[in-house]
Amino acid sequence: MTDQGVGWLITQTDDLRQFVDHVSEDVIGQVNIEAAIATTEISDGEVVTLTMQDGLLRARAGDTGNATAVAVTDATAGQDVGITNFNGVVDYQLGTVTIVSVPQVQKGGSRAIDTARVTAMATNNDLVAATGAEATAIANAEDIERNIRFGSVTAVQEAVTKGLDVLLVASKDMLSKHTDRLREQNVSYELVDLTE
C-alpha cells in the first residue's frame, strides 16, 4: 500500500470514528429517553413517579406510584423533563368515544339534529372532534369549540388511548372511516342518534 493509500485510509477511519461516536451518543443514547411534563421540581438522576393526566405523561419527584423512571434532566413544575429506565406500568383507563352521526345535507344535514343536545354532550367530554361540513355547521351554530378539525380518524383514536373522552360529531359520509379505525384498534364507541 502506498503512503497516499494509507493517508486516505486514516482519513476514512477518522470519519468512521466520528460517525460511530455520533450514532452511539446522539442516536442510541436518545432511544430510551422519553419526555414527560414535570408536576414538581425534579433533579437530574432523581427517581420520578409517572402518571397519565389530560392525555400527557406526567412525572413527579419520588417513587410512590406503580410506574417509575429516572430523570435525565432538571425541570421545574410545568417544564418538560427527560426520563429513562422505566419500571412498572402507568395506570390509567382508556377514554370513551361518543359519536353523533349527522345526515348528509340532502337528508336535512345539521338541521335534522337536536343541536342543543350536542352542546350538552360537548361539555361532558374532554375533546370535541367535528368532521365534514354538516358536522362543522353544528359546531359553528352552537359555538362549540372543536379541538380536532383535521386528521380526526387518527386523532380521535390517539386521544382515547391516552385516556381522554371524545365527542365525535361526524357527517354521515365520514362515519365509517372513524368506526372502522376504532374497531381495528379495539376501541369501543357509542353511536348516539340525535335526529329530530
C-alpha atoms as a PDB file:
ATOM      1  CA  MET A   1       0.000   0.000   0.000  1.00  0.00           C
ATOM      2  CA  THR A   2       1.306   3.488  -0.864  1.00  0.00           C
ATOM      3  CA  ASP A   3       1.688   6.406   1.529  1.00  0.00           C
ATOM      4  CA  GLN A   4      -1.180   8.079  -0.280  1.00  0.00           C
ATOM      5  CA  GLY A   5      -3.387   4.993   0.259  1.00  0.00           C
ATOM      6  CA  VAL A   6      -2.515   4.873   3.958  1.00  0.00           C
ATOM      7  CA  GLY A   7      -3.332   8.591   4.289  1.00  0.00           C
ATOM      8  CA  TRP A   8      -6.711   8.065   2.630  1.00  0.00           C
ATOM      9  CA  LEU A   9      -7.445   5.097   4.909  1.00  0.00           C
ATOM     10  CA  ILE A  10      -6.627   7.155   8.017  1.00  0.00           C
ATOM     11  CA  THR A  11      -8.975   9.982   6.966  1.00  0.00           C
ATOM     12  CA  GLN A  12     -11.740   7.463   6.265  1.00  0.00           C
ATOM     13  CA  THR A  13     -11.134   5.829   9.654  1.00  0.00           C
ATOM     14  CA  ASP A  14     -11.413   9.229  11.371  1.00  0.00           C
ATOM     15  CA  ASP A  15     -14.696   9.904   9.543  1.00  0.00           C
ATOM     16  CA  LEU A  16     -15.978   6.463  10.506  1.00  0.00           C
ATOM     17  CA  ARG A  17     -14.984   7.024  14.148  1.00  0.00           C
ATOM     18  CA  GLN A  18     -16.872  10.344  14.190  1.00  0.00           C
ATOM     19  CA  PHE A  19     -19.914   8.649  12.696  1.00  0.00           C
ATOM     20  CA  VAL A  20     -19.787   5.809  15.261  1.00  0.00           C
ATOM     21  CA  ASP A  21     -19.465   8.356  18.086  1.00  0.00           C
ATOM     22  CA  HIS A  22     -22.455  10.262  16.723  1.00  0.00           C
ATOM     23  CA  VAL A  23     -24.581   7.100  16.484  1.00  0.00           C
ATOM     24  CA  SER A  24     -23.658   5.834  19.944  1.00  0.00           C
ATOM     25  CA  GLU A  25     -24.030   9.191  21.714  1.00  0.00           C
ATOM     26  CA  ASP A  26     -26.733  11.033  19.806  1.00  0.00           C
ATOM     27  CA  VAL A  27     -28.872   8.274  18.315  1.00  0.00           C
ATOM     28  CA  ILE A  28     -28.641   5.245  20.607  1.00  0.00           C
ATOM     29  CA  GLY A  29     -28.399   7.434  23.705  1.00  0.00           C
ATOM     30  CA  GLN A  30     -31.742   9.054  22.821  1.00  0.00           C
ATOM     31  CA  VAL A  31     -33.680   5.874  22.011  1.00  0.00           C
ATOM     32  CA  ASN A  32     -34.682   5.128  25.604  1.00  0.00           C
ATOM     33  CA  ILE A  33     -35.328   8.706  26.653  1.00  0.00           C
ATOM     34  CA  GLU A  34     -38.922   9.942  26.694  1.00  0.00           C
ATOM     35  CA  ALA A  35     -40.354  13.313  27.613  1.00  0.00           C
ATOM     36  CA  ALA A  36     -42.913  13.977  30.325  1.00  0.00           C
ATOM     37  CA  ILE A  37     -44.366  17.091  31.933  1.00  0.00           C
ATOM     38  CA  ALA A  38     -42.946  17.725  35.404  1.00  0.00           C
ATOM     39  CA  THR A  39     -45.572  18.336  38.095  1.00  0.00           C
ATOM     40  CA  THR A  40     -42.954  19.089  40.771  1.00  0.00           C
ATOM     41  CA  GLU A  41     -39.369  20.254  40.749  1.00  0.00           C
ATOM     42  CA  ILE A  42     -37.176  17.396  39.515  1.00  0.00           C
ATOM     43  CA  SER A  43     -33.401  16.993  39.516  1.00  0.00           C
ATOM     44  CA  ASP A  44     -31.273  15.060  37.032  1.00  0.00           C
ATOM     45  CA  GLY A  45     -30.802  11.499  38.351  1.00  0.00           C
ATOM     46  CA  GLU A  46     -33.866  11.608  40.614  1.00  0.00           C
ATOM     47  CA  VAL A  47     -36.431   8.780  40.622  1.00  0.00           C
ATOM     48  CA  VAL A  48     -39.867  10.008  39.489  1.00  0.00           C
ATOM     49  CA  THR A  49     -43.391   8.596  39.552  1.00  0.00           C
ATOM     50  CA  LEU A  50     -45.255   8.550  36.231  1.00  0.00           C
ATOM     51  CA  THR A  51     -48.969   9.186  35.695  1.00  0.00           C
ATOM     52  CA  MET A  52     -51.196   9.978  32.726  1.00  0.00           C
ATOM     53  CA  GLN A  53     -53.278  13.161  33.020  1.00  0.00           C
ATOM     54  CA  ASP A  54     -55.102  15.044  30.283  1.00  0.00           C
ATOM     55  CA  GLY A  55     -53.576  12.703  27.726  1.00  0.00           C
ATOM     56  CA  LEU A  56     -49.977  13.553  28.672  1.00  0.00           C
ATOM     57  CA  LEU A  57     -47.351  11.617  30.580  1.00  0.00           C
ATOM     58  CA  ARG A  58     -46.591  13.420  33.884  1.00  0.00           C
ATOM     59  CA  ALA A  59     -43.644  12.975  36.251  1.00  0.00           C
ATOM     60  CA  ARG A  60     -43.390  13.930  39.913  1.00  0.00           C
ATOM     61  CA  ALA A  61     -40.439  13.575  42.253  1.00  0.00           C
ATOM     62  CA  GLY A  62     -40.340  10.356  44.293  1.00  0.00           C
ATOM     63  CA  ASP A  63     -41.138   6.702  43.703  1.00  0.00           C
ATOM     64  CA  THR A  64     -44.612   6.459  45.218  1.00  0.00           C
ATOM     65  CA  GLY A  65     -46.575   5.096  42.238  1.00  0.00           C
ATOM     66  CA  ASN A  66     -46.951   1.994  40.078  1.00  0.00           C
ATOM     67  CA  ALA A  67     -44.700   3.336  37.331  1.00  0.00           C
ATOM     68  CA  THR A  68     -41.336   4.995  37.874  1.00  0.00           C
ATOM     69  CA  ALA A  69     -38.421   6.267  35.829  1.00  0.00           C
ATOM     70  CA  VAL A  70     -35.186   8.186  36.315  1.00  0.00           C
ATOM     71  CA  ALA A  71     -34.920  11.828  35.268  1.00  0.00           C
ATOM     72  CA  VAL A  72     -32.089  12.698  32.882  1.00  0.00           C
ATOM     73  CA  THR A  73     -32.694  16.468  33.010  1.00  0.00           C
ATOM     74  CA  ASP A  74     -33.579  19.053  35.630  1.00  0.00           C
ATOM     75  CA  ALA A  75     -37.075  20.548  35.435  1.00  0.00           C
ATOM     76  CA  THR A  76     -39.406  22.827  37.326  1.00  0.00           C
ATOM     77  CA  ALA A  77     -43.159  22.181  37.516  1.00  0.00           C
ATOM     78  CA  GLY A  78     -44.689  22.613  34.064  1.00  0.00           C
ATOM     79  CA  GLN A  79     -41.470  22.028  32.125  1.00  0.00           C
ATOM     80  CA  ASP A  80     -40.619  19.020  30.002  1.00  0.00           C
ATOM     81  CA  VAL A  81     -38.323  16.516  31.666  1.00  0.00           C
ATOM     82  CA  GLY A  82     -36.330  13.711  30.063  1.00  0.00           C
ATOM     83  CA  ILE A  83     -36.880  10.285  31.652  1.00  0.00           C
ATOM     84  CA  THR A  84     -35.415   6.803  31.185  1.00  0.00           C
ATOM     85  CA  ASN A  85     -35.086   3.420  32.989  1.00  0.00           C
ATOM     86  CA  PHE A  86     -38.816   2.774  33.161  1.00  0.00           C
ATOM     87  CA  ASN A  87     -40.280   0.364  35.704  1.00  0.00           C
ATOM     88  CA  GLY A  88     -43.897  -0.700  36.112  1.00  0.00           C
ATOM     89  CA  VAL A  89     -46.962   0.271  34.114  1.00  0.00           C
ATOM     90  CA  VAL A  90     -48.619   3.688  34.037  1.00  0.00           C
ATOM     91  CA  ASP A  91     -52.086   3.153  35.486  1.00  0.00           C
ATOM     92  CA  TYR A  92     -54.876   4.820  33.506  1.00  0.00           C
ATOM     93  CA  GLN A  93     -58.091   3.894  31.738  1.00  0.00           C
ATOM     94  CA  LEU A  94     -58.888   4.286  28.075  1.00  0.00           C
ATOM     95  CA  GLY A  95     -61.161   7.166  27.245  1.00  0.00           C
ATOM     96  CA  THR A  96     -64.545   6.844  25.604  1.00  0.00           C
ATOM     97  CA  VAL A  97     -65.805   7.853  22.179  1.00  0.00           C
ATOM     98  CA  THR A  98     -69.354   9.108  21.743  1.00  0.00           C
ATOM     99  CA  ILE A  99     -70.366   9.606  18.128  1.00  0.00           C
ATOM    100  CA  VAL A 100     -73.145  11.787  16.763  1.00  0.00           C
ATOM    101  CA  SER A 101     -73.838  10.979  13.122  1.00  0.00           C
ATOM    102  CA  VAL A 102     -75.099  13.937  11.105  1.00  0.00           C
ATOM    103  CA  PRO A 103     -77.142  13.186   7.974  1.00  0.00           C
ATOM    104  CA  GLN A 104     -75.864  14.470   4.652  1.00  0.00           C
ATOM    105  CA  VAL A 105     -77.244  17.848   3.590  1.00  0.00           C
ATOM    106  CA  GLN A 106     -79.724  16.329   1.111  1.00  0.00           C
ATOM    107  CA  LYS A 107     -81.303  14.493   4.060  1.00  0.00           C
ATOM    108  CA  GLY A 108     -81.508  17.508   6.356  1.00  0.00           C
ATOM    109  CA  GLY A 109     -77.865  17.909   7.399  1.00  0.00           C
ATOM    110  CA  SER A 110     -77.319  19.915  10.576  1.00  0.00           C
ATOM    111  CA  ARG A 111     -80.986  20.971  10.610  1.00  0.00           C
ATOM    112  CA  ALA A 112     -82.000  17.347  11.295  1.00  0.00           C
ATOM    113  CA  ILE A 113     -80.036  17.182  14.578  1.00  0.00           C
ATOM    114  CA  ASP A 114     -81.029  18.295  18.089  1.00  0.00           C
ATOM    115  CA  THR A 115     -78.089  20.706  18.342  1.00  0.00           C
ATOM    116  CA  ALA A 116     -78.823  21.654  21.953  1.00  0.00           C
ATOM    117  CA  ARG A 117     -78.123  18.050  22.963  1.00  0.00           C
ATOM    118  CA  VAL A 118     -74.841  18.129  21.053  1.00  0.00           C
ATOM    119  CA  THR A 119     -73.852  21.206  23.080  1.00  0.00           C
ATOM    120  CA  ALA A 120     -74.736  19.432  26.335  1.00  0.00           C
ATOM    121  CA  MET A 121     -72.730  16.379  25.295  1.00  0.00           C
ATOM    122  CA  ALA A 122     -69.735  18.525  24.369  1.00  0.00           C
ATOM    123  CA  THR A 123     -69.434  19.788  27.939  1.00  0.00           C
ATOM    124  CA  ASN A 124     -69.199  16.200  29.228  1.00  0.00           C
ATOM    125  CA  ASN A 125     -66.166  15.281  27.102  1.00  0.00           C
ATOM    126  CA  ASP A 126     -62.503  16.235  27.173  1.00  0.00           C
ATOM    127  CA  LEU A 127     -62.313  16.864  23.424  1.00  0.00           C
ATOM    128  CA  VAL A 128     -64.712  17.559  20.595  1.00  0.00           C
ATOM    129  CA  ALA A 129     -63.991  16.472  17.025  1.00  0.00           C
ATOM    130  CA  ALA A 130     -66.102  17.691  14.118  1.00  0.00           C
ATOM    131  CA  THR A 131     -65.570  16.277  10.656  1.00  0.00           C
ATOM    132  CA  GLY A 132     -67.468  17.106   7.481  1.00  0.00           C
ATOM    133  CA  ALA A 133     -69.410  20.232   6.506  1.00  0.00           C
ATOM    134  CA  GLU A 134     -72.675  19.178   8.170  1.00  0.00           C
ATOM    135  CA  ALA A 135     -70.934  18.423  11.479  1.00  0.00           C
ATOM    136  CA  THR A 136     -68.937  21.648  11.306  1.00  0.00           C
ATOM    137  CA  ALA A 137     -72.176  23.591  10.763  1.00  0.00           C
ATOM    138  CA  ILE A 138     -73.492  22.241  14.080  1.00  0.00           C
ATOM    139  CA  ALA A 139     -70.322  23.227  15.927  1.00  0.00           C
ATOM    140  CA  ASN A 140     -70.421  26.697  14.370  1.00  0.00           C
ATOM    141  CA  ALA A 141     -74.146  27.234  15.099  1.00  0.00           C
ATOM    142  CA  GLU A 142     -73.797  26.145  18.724  1.00  0.00           C
ATOM    143  CA  ASP A 143     -70.406  27.837  19.227  1.00  0.00           C
ATOM    144  CA  ILE A 144     -68.848  24.506  20.237  1.00  0.00           C
ATOM    145  CA  GLU A 145     -65.071  24.581  20.437  1.00  0.00           C
ATOM    146  CA  ARG A 146     -63.669  21.958  18.084  1.00  0.00           C
ATOM    147  CA  ASN A 147     -60.392  20.617  19.442  1.00  0.00           C
ATOM    148  CA  ILE A 148     -59.961  18.296  16.470  1.00  0.00           C
ATOM    149  CA  ARG A 149     -60.749  19.553  12.975  1.00  0.00           C
ATOM    150  CA  PHE A 150     -58.279  17.740  10.747  1.00  0.00           C
ATOM    151  CA  GLY A 151     -56.885  14.211  10.817  1.00  0.00           C
ATOM    152  CA  SER A 152     -59.751  13.214  13.058  1.00  0.00           C
ATOM    153  CA  VAL A 153     -59.580   9.492  12.242  1.00  0.00           C
ATOM    154  CA  THR A 154     -56.134   9.214  13.815  1.00  0.00           C
ATOM    155  CA  ALA A 155     -56.571  11.983  16.389  1.00  0.00           C
ATOM    156  CA  VAL A 156     -59.722  10.525  17.951  1.00  0.00           C
ATOM    157  CA  GLN A 157     -58.171   7.072  18.274  1.00  0.00           C
ATOM    158  CA  GLU A 158     -54.954   8.536  19.755  1.00  0.00           C
ATOM    159  CA  ALA A 159     -56.837  10.696  22.266  1.00  0.00           C
ATOM    160  CA  VAL A 160     -58.868   7.732  23.535  1.00  0.00           C
ATOM    161  CA  THR A 161     -55.762   5.600  24.001  1.00  0.00           C
ATOM    162  CA  LYS A 162     -54.331   8.447  26.117  1.00  0.00           C
ATOM    163  CA  GLY A 163     -57.362   8.312  28.436  1.00  0.00           C
ATOM    164  CA  LEU A 164     -59.391  11.212  27.037  1.00  0.00           C
ATOM    165  CA  ASP A 165     -63.141  11.161  26.400  1.00  0.00           C
ATOM    166  CA  VAL A 166     -64.040  12.365  22.907  1.00  0.00           C
ATOM    167  CA  LEU A 167     -67.287  13.548  21.356  1.00  0.00           C
ATOM    168  CA  LEU A 168     -67.092  12.947  17.618  1.00  0.00           C
ATOM    169  CA  VAL A 169     -69.640  14.829  15.516  1.00  0.00           C
ATOM    170  CA  ALA A 170     -69.312  13.293  12.073  1.00  0.00           C
ATOM    171  CA  SER A 171     -71.115  13.818   8.807  1.00  0.00           C
ATOM    172  CA  LYS A 172     -72.653  10.516   7.700  1.00  0.00           C
ATOM    173  CA  ASP A 173     -70.241  10.132   4.773  1.00  0.00           C
ATOM    174  CA  MET A 174     -67.252  10.388   7.164  1.00  0.00           C
ATOM    175  CA  LEU A 175     -68.604   7.983   9.779  1.00  0.00           C
ATOM    176  CA  SER A 176     -67.293   4.632   8.523  1.00  0.00           C
ATOM    177  CA  LYS A 177     -63.690   5.894   8.317  1.00  0.00           C
ATOM    178  CA  HIS A 178     -63.822   6.582  12.041  1.00  0.00           C
ATOM    179  CA  THR A 179     -65.696   3.500  13.187  1.00  0.00           C
ATOM    180  CA  ASP A 180     -63.505   1.211  11.062  1.00  0.00           C
ATOM    181  CA  ARG A 181     -60.355   2.664  12.650  1.00  0.00           C
ATOM    182  CA  LEU A 182     -61.788   2.376  16.177  1.00  0.00           C
ATOM    183  CA  ARG A 183     -62.761  -1.271  15.600  1.00  0.00           C
ATOM    184  CA  GLU A 184     -59.303  -2.047  14.156  1.00  0.00           C
ATOM    185  CA  GLN A 185     -57.738  -0.650  17.327  1.00  0.00           C
ATOM    186  CA  ASN A 186     -60.251  -2.436  19.621  1.00  0.00           C
ATOM    187  CA  VAL A 187     -61.623   0.874  20.880  1.00  0.00           C
ATOM    188  CA  SER A 188     -65.294   0.770  21.785  1.00  0.00           C
ATOM    189  CA  TYR A 189     -67.620   3.637  20.962  1.00  0.00           C
ATOM    190  CA  GLU A 190     -71.236   4.661  21.430  1.00  0.00           C
ATOM    191  CA  LEU A 191     -73.254   5.882  18.471  1.00  0.00           C
ATOM    192  CA  VAL A 192     -75.970   8.315  19.571  1.00  0.00           C
ATOM    193  CA  ASP A 193     -78.955   9.168  17.362  1.00  0.00           C
ATOM    194  CA  LEU A 194     -79.899  12.838  17.771  1.00  0.00           C
ATOM    195  CA  THR A 195     -82.038  13.192  14.666  1.00  0.00           C
ATOM    196  CA  GLU A 196     -85.259  15.060  15.368  1.00  0.00           C
END
